[in-house]
Amino acid sequence: MFILFGYWLSGYHHVIDSSSIRHVFKQHGNAAQEHARGQLPISASDFEAIPTVLARPDKLVFGTKNRIGRNQVVYIKRLDDGTTLYLEEVRTGRRELASQSMRKYPATMNVDRVISTLYPNAHSDGGNEPILMDGPDPRNIHDDCQGRSEAIWSGNRCCRHGFGAALSGWRR
């Protein structure tokens, strides 16, 4: 079972709503603006890569809150076309991990620099340092899950139904 911020995340689902999609394209889809920020513009193919980002993140960041005080989960994944930073907020009442934002950086950018771009959009709780975790070691993922983007990892094992027993999958 996976515990985050004192909550058991059993039965939580990943969701993407239209307001999140609009935000991402409006704030992070313009090539000129993103290049000026040292980022790459988000495209439709980046949304298609979200299951892979969730299934095999290189880094996870916990312990941050968004502007309205909701806990966040941040996933960082280096892909062939760049490094994706994907933010979800924890909606306890709905039992959802909801898409909040997504950014893309050159694949050569250092992961610490990518993490530093979270602020000021993500805040720690009471001045505590965010918790940074490495993603799963690919050697510890069961062969039946290799290459399957719907497989979400749990510590040192793969599970097609979510973060082990913690998250029960992906839903749009």
C-alpha atoms as a PDB file:
ATOM      1  CA  MET A   1       0.000   0.000   0.000  1.00  0.00           C
ATOM      2  CA  PHE A   2       1.304   3.442  -0.895  1.00  0.00           C
ATOM      3  CA  ILE A   3       0.983   6.313   1.598  1.00  0.00           C
ATOM      4  CA  LEU A   4       1.340   9.910   0.478  1.00  0.00           C
ATOM      5  CA  PHE A   5       0.902  12.912   2.809  1.00  0.00           C
ATOM      6  CA  GLY A   6      -0.737  10.625   5.350  1.00  0.00           C
ATOM      7  CA  TYR A   7      -3.362   9.364   2.883  1.00  0.00           C
ATOM      8  CA  TRP A   8      -3.739   5.793   1.712  1.00  0.00           C
ATOM      9  CA  LEU A   9      -3.939   6.140  -2.067  1.00  0.00           C
ATOM     10  CA  SER A  10      -5.855   2.938  -2.639  1.00  0.00           C
ATOM     11  CA  GLY A  11      -8.445   3.464  -5.355  1.00  0.00           C
ATOM     12  CA  TYR A  12      -7.053   6.763  -6.637  1.00  0.00           C
ATOM     13  CA  HIS A  13      -7.185   7.338 -10.398  1.00  0.00           C
ATOM     14  CA  HIS A  14      -5.143   9.550 -12.700  1.00  0.00           C
ATOM     15  CA  VAL A  15      -7.373  12.058 -14.492  1.00  0.00           C
ATOM     16  CA  ILE A  16      -6.899  14.803 -17.057  1.00  0.00           C
ATOM     17  CA  ASP A  17      -9.618  17.396 -17.424  1.00  0.00           C
ATOM     18  CA  SER A  18     -10.137  19.990 -20.136  1.00  0.00           C
ATOM     19  CA  SER A  19      -8.990  22.892 -17.932  1.00  0.00           C
ATOM     20  CA  SER A  20      -5.622  21.218 -17.425  1.00  0.00           C
ATOM     21  CA  ILE A  21      -5.222  20.634 -21.158  1.00  0.00           C
ATOM     22  CA  ARG A  22      -6.109  24.269 -21.884  1.00  0.00           C
ATOM     23  CA  HIS A  23      -3.646  25.458 -19.239  1.00  0.00           C
ATOM     24  CA  VAL A  24      -0.807  23.349 -20.593  1.00  0.00           C
ATOM     25  CA  PHE A  25      -1.284  24.432 -24.201  1.00  0.00           C
ATOM     26  CA  LYS A  26      -1.869  28.101 -23.283  1.00  0.00           C
ATOM     27  CA  GLN A  27       1.046  28.376 -20.859  1.00  0.00           C
ATOM     28  CA  HIS A  28       3.503  25.867 -22.322  1.00  0.00           C
ATOM     29  CA  GLY A  29       2.558  25.312 -25.968  1.00  0.00           C
ATOM     30  CA  ASN A  30       4.003  28.408 -27.639  1.00  0.00           C
ATOM     31  CA  ALA A  31       7.396  27.611 -29.163  1.00  0.00           C
ATOM     32  CA  ALA A  32       8.785  31.170 -28.946  1.00  0.00           C
ATOM     33  CA  GLN A  33       7.790  31.600 -25.284  1.00  0.00           C
ATOM     34  CA  GLU A  34       9.062  28.174 -24.267  1.00  0.00           C
ATOM     35  CA  HIS A  35      12.419  28.589 -26.024  1.00  0.00           C
ATOM     36  CA  ALA A  36      12.855  31.938 -24.227  1.00  0.00           C
ATOM     37  CA  ARG A  37      12.334  30.049 -20.921  1.00  0.00           C
ATOM     38  CA  GLY A  38      14.809  27.344 -21.911  1.00  0.00           C
ATOM     39  CA  GLN A  39      11.959  24.876 -22.367  1.00  0.00           C
ATOM     40  CA  LEU A  40      10.411  23.021 -25.285  1.00  0.00           C
ATOM     41  CA  PRO A  41       6.795  23.563 -26.366  1.00  0.00           C
ATOM     42  CA  ILE A  42       4.206  20.960 -25.344  1.00  0.00           C
ATOM     43  CA  SER A  43       2.446  19.146 -28.184  1.00  0.00           C
ATOM     44  CA  ALA A  44      -0.313  16.544 -28.443  1.00  0.00           C
ATOM     45  CA  SER A  45       2.308  13.786 -28.530  1.00  0.00           C
ATOM     46  CA  ASP A  46       3.453  14.859 -25.057  1.00  0.00           C
ATOM     47  CA  PHE A  47      -0.025  14.102 -23.713  1.00  0.00           C
ATOM     48  CA  GLU A  48       0.184  10.673 -25.347  1.00  0.00           C
ATOM     49  CA  ALA A  49       3.423  10.070 -23.422  1.00  0.00           C
ATOM     50  CA  ILE A  50       1.829  10.691 -20.002  1.00  0.00           C
ATOM     51  CA  PRO A  51       1.196   6.976 -19.305  1.00  0.00           C
ATOM     52  CA  THR A  52       4.910   6.322 -19.894  1.00  0.00           C
ATOM     53  CA  VAL A  53       5.874   9.218 -17.611  1.00  0.00           C
ATOM     54  CA  LEU A  54       3.611   7.809 -14.892  1.00  0.00           C
ATOM     55  CA  ALA A  55       4.719   4.219 -15.433  1.00  0.00           C
ATOM     56  CA  ARG A  56       8.463   4.835 -15.388  1.00  0.00           C
ATOM     57  CA  PRO A  57       9.417   8.200 -13.924  1.00  0.00           C
ATOM     58  CA  ASP A  58      13.107   8.896 -13.464  1.00  0.00           C
ATOM     59  CA  LYS A  59      12.341  11.046 -10.403  1.00  0.00           C
ATOM     60  CA  LEU A  60       9.329  11.710  -8.191  1.00  0.00           C
ATOM     61  CA  VAL A  61       8.889  14.784  -6.018  1.00  0.00           C
ATOM     62  CA  PHE A  62       6.524  14.776  -3.025  1.00  0.00           C
ATOM     63  CA  GLY A  63       5.867  17.315  -0.312  1.00  0.00           C
ATOM     64  CA  THR A  64       4.828  20.274  -2.449  1.00  0.00           C
ATOM     65  CA  LYS A  65       1.499  22.064  -2.573  1.00  0.00           C
ATOM     66  CA  ASN A  66      -0.137  24.045  -5.331  1.00  0.00           C
ATOM     67  CA  ARG A  67      -1.410  27.617  -4.952  1.00  0.00           C
ATOM     68  CA  ILE A  68      -4.692  26.495  -3.376  1.00  0.00           C
ATOM     69  CA  GLY A  69      -2.953  24.254  -0.850  1.00  0.00           C
ATOM     70  CA  ARG A  70      -3.499  20.838  -2.408  1.00  0.00           C
ATOM     71  CA  ASN A  71      -0.717  18.271  -2.216  1.00  0.00           C
ATOM     72  CA  GLN A  72       1.083  17.484  -5.448  1.00  0.00           C
ATOM     73  CA  VAL A  73       2.930  14.609  -7.030  1.00  0.00           C
ATOM     74  CA  VAL A  74       5.591  15.573  -9.578  1.00  0.00           C
ATOM     75  CA  TYR A  75       6.930  13.095 -12.136  1.00  0.00           C
ATOM     76  CA  ILE A  76      10.097  13.700 -14.153  1.00  0.00           C
ATOM     77  CA  LYS A  77      10.945  11.505 -17.121  1.00  0.00           C
ATOM     78  CA  ARG A  78      13.649  11.832 -19.777  1.00  0.00           C
ATOM     79  CA  LEU A  79      12.277  10.735 -23.142  1.00  0.00           C
ATOM     80  CA  ASP A  80      13.871  10.728 -26.594  1.00  0.00           C
ATOM     81  CA  ASP A  81      12.488  14.172 -27.463  1.00  0.00           C
ATOM     82  CA  GLY A  82      13.091  15.891 -24.108  1.00  0.00           C
ATOM     83  CA  THR A  83      12.581  15.681 -20.353  1.00  0.00           C
ATOM     84  CA  THR A  84       8.965  15.922 -19.187  1.00  0.00           C
ATOM     85  CA  LEU A  85       7.916  17.380 -15.848  1.00  0.00           C
ATOM     86  CA  TYR A  86       4.321  16.387 -15.092  1.00  0.00           C
ATOM     87  CA  LEU A  87       2.398  17.689 -12.055  1.00  0.00           C
ATOM     88  CA  GLU A  88      -0.699  16.170 -10.486  1.00  0.00           C
ATOM     89  CA  GLU A  89      -2.718  17.414  -7.537  1.00  0.00           C
ATOM     90  CA  VAL A  90      -4.161  15.049  -4.953  1.00  0.00           C
ATOM     91  CA  ARG A  91      -7.961  15.337  -4.771  1.00  0.00           C
ATOM     92  CA  THR A  92      -8.838  13.335  -1.689  1.00  0.00           C
ATOM     93  CA  GLY A  93     -12.616  13.721  -1.916  1.00  0.00           C
ATOM     94  CA  ARG A  94     -12.744  12.406  -5.466  1.00  0.00           C
ATOM     95  CA  ARG A  95      -9.852   9.990  -4.955  1.00  0.00           C
ATOM     96  CA  GLU A  96      -8.070  11.443  -7.961  1.00  0.00           C
ATOM     97  CA  LEU A  97      -4.570  12.395  -8.965  1.00  0.00           C
ATOM     98  CA  ALA A  98      -5.516  15.181 -11.372  1.00  0.00           C
ATOM     99  CA  SER A  99      -3.321  16.658 -14.057  1.00  0.00           C
ATOM    100  CA  GLN A 100      -2.301  20.168 -13.149  1.00  0.00           C
ATOM    101  CA  SER A 101       0.495  21.106 -15.527  1.00  0.00           C
ATOM    102  CA  MET A 102       3.230  19.761 -17.757  1.00  0.00           C
ATOM    103  CA  ARG A 103       6.502  21.200 -18.986  1.00  0.00           C
ATOM    104  CA  LYS A 104       9.172  19.925 -21.306  1.00  0.00           C
ATOM    105  CA  TYR A 105      12.901  20.603 -21.221  1.00  0.00           C
ATOM    106  CA  PRO A 106      15.832  19.669 -23.439  1.00  0.00           C
ATOM    107  CA  ALA A 107      16.861  16.080 -22.650  1.00  0.00           C
ATOM    108  CA  THR A 108      20.340  17.342 -21.786  1.00  0.00           C
ATOM    109  CA  MET A 109      19.108  19.523 -18.900  1.00  0.00           C
ATOM    110  CA  ASN A 110      20.210  18.386 -15.441  1.00  0.00           C
ATOM    111  CA  VAL A 111      17.357  16.931 -13.350  1.00  0.00           C
ATOM    112  CA  ASP A 112      18.158  19.270 -10.424  1.00  0.00           C
ATOM    113  CA  ARG A 113      17.673  22.252 -12.716  1.00  0.00           C
ATOM    114  CA  VAL A 114      14.351  20.807 -13.912  1.00  0.00           C
ATOM    115  CA  ILE A 115      13.216  20.366 -10.304  1.00  0.00           C
ATOM    116  CA  SER A 116      14.229  23.957  -9.480  1.00  0.00           C
ATOM    117  CA  THR A 117      11.688  25.204 -12.050  1.00  0.00           C
ATOM    118  CA  LEU A 118       8.829  23.914  -9.870  1.00  0.00           C
ATOM    119  CA  TYR A 119       8.919  27.082  -7.808  1.00  0.00           C
ATOM    120  CA  PRO A 120       6.992  29.372  -7.464  1.00  0.00           C
ATOM    121  CA  ASN A 121       4.167  27.113  -8.743  1.00  0.00           C
ATOM    122  CA  ALA A 122       4.763  24.436  -6.115  1.00  0.00           C
ATOM    123  CA  HIS A 123       5.351  25.263  -2.473  1.00  0.00           C
ATOM    124  CA  SER A 124       6.627  23.110   0.345  1.00  0.00           C
ATOM    125  CA  ASP A 125       4.471  22.655   3.417  1.00  0.00           C
ATOM    126  CA  GLY A 126       5.678  24.829   6.287  1.00  0.00           C
ATOM    127  CA  GLY A 127       9.140  25.302   4.825  1.00  0.00           C
ATOM    128  CA  ASN A 128       9.890  21.581   4.703  1.00  0.00           C
ATOM    129  CA  GLU A 129      12.090  20.381   1.902  1.00  0.00           C
ATOM    130  CA  PRO A 130      10.295  18.470  -0.862  1.00  0.00           C
ATOM    131  CA  ILE A 131      10.974  14.740  -0.956  1.00  0.00           C
ATOM    132  CA  LEU A 132      12.848  13.578  -4.050  1.00  0.00           C
ATOM    133  CA  MET A 133      12.714   9.881  -4.966  1.00  0.00           C
ATOM    134  CA  ASP A 134      14.376   7.977  -7.756  1.00  0.00           C
ATOM    135  CA  GLY A 135      12.102   6.092 -10.119  1.00  0.00           C
ATOM    136  CA  PRO A 136      12.131   2.312 -10.161  1.00  0.00           C
ATOM    137  CA  ASP A 137      15.207   0.410 -11.229  1.00  0.00           C
ATOM    138  CA  PRO A 138      14.269  -1.153 -14.614  1.00  0.00           C
ATOM    139  CA  ARG A 139      16.016  -4.362 -13.510  1.00  0.00           C
ATOM    140  CA  ASN A 140      13.381  -4.769 -10.781  1.00  0.00           C
ATOM    141  CA  ILE A 141      10.350  -4.537 -13.063  1.00  0.00           C
ATOM    142  CA  HIS A 142       8.722  -7.821 -14.047  1.00  0.00           C
ATOM    143  CA  ASP A 143       9.286  -8.907 -17.652  1.00  0.00           C
ATOM    144  CA  ASP A 144       5.556  -9.011 -18.369  1.00  0.00           C
ATOM    145  CA  CYS A 145       5.429  -5.234 -17.868  1.00  0.00           C
ATOM    146  CA  GLN A 146       8.436  -4.258 -19.975  1.00  0.00           C
ATOM    147  CA  GLY A 147       7.499  -1.628 -22.495  1.00  0.00           C
ATOM    148  CA  ARG A 148       3.857  -1.361 -21.446  1.00  0.00           C
ATOM    149  CA  SER A 149       2.914   2.215 -20.803  1.00  0.00           C
ATOM    150  CA  GLU A 150      -0.164   1.243 -18.812  1.00  0.00           C
ATOM    151  CA  ALA A 151       2.013  -0.414 -16.204  1.00  0.00           C
ATOM    152  CA  ILE A 152       2.463   1.778 -13.154  1.00  0.00           C
ATOM    153  CA  TRP A 153       5.337   0.963 -10.831  1.00  0.00           C
ATOM    154  CA  SER A 154       5.373   0.277  -7.161  1.00  0.00           C
ATOM    155  CA  GLY A 155       8.745   0.482  -5.483  1.00  0.00           C
ATOM    156  CA  ASN A 156      10.619  -2.435  -6.975  1.00  0.00           C
ATOM    157  CA  ARG A 157       7.874  -4.148  -8.936  1.00  0.00           C
ATOM    158  CA  CYS A 158       5.498  -3.513 -11.770  1.00  0.00           C
ATOM    159  CA  CYS A 159       1.766  -3.645 -11.529  1.00  0.00           C
ATOM    160  CA  ARG A 160      -0.675  -2.999 -14.354  1.00  0.00           C
ATOM    161  CA  HIS A 161      -3.336  -1.775 -11.955  1.00  0.00           C
ATOM    162  CA  GLY A 162      -1.578   1.175 -10.398  1.00  0.00           C
ATOM    163  CA  PHE A 163       1.020   1.939  -7.747  1.00  0.00           C
ATOM    164  CA  GLY A 164       0.862  -1.651  -6.548  1.00  0.00           C
ATOM    165  CA  ALA A 165      -2.329  -1.802  -4.572  1.00  0.00           C
ATOM    166  CA  ALA A 166      -2.149   1.939  -4.087  1.00  0.00           C
ATOM    167  CA  LEU A 167      -3.460   3.345  -7.339  1.00  0.00           C
ATOM    168  CA  SER A 168      -5.897   1.400  -9.403  1.00  0.00           C
ATOM    169  CA  GLY A 169      -4.968   2.716 -12.791  1.00  0.00           C
ATOM    170  CA  TRP A 170      -5.312   5.310 -15.449  1.00  0.00           C
ATOM    171  CA  ARG A 171      -8.464   6.995 -16.633  1.00  0.00           C
ATOM    172  CA  ARG A 172      -9.065   9.944 -18.966  1.00  0.00           C
END
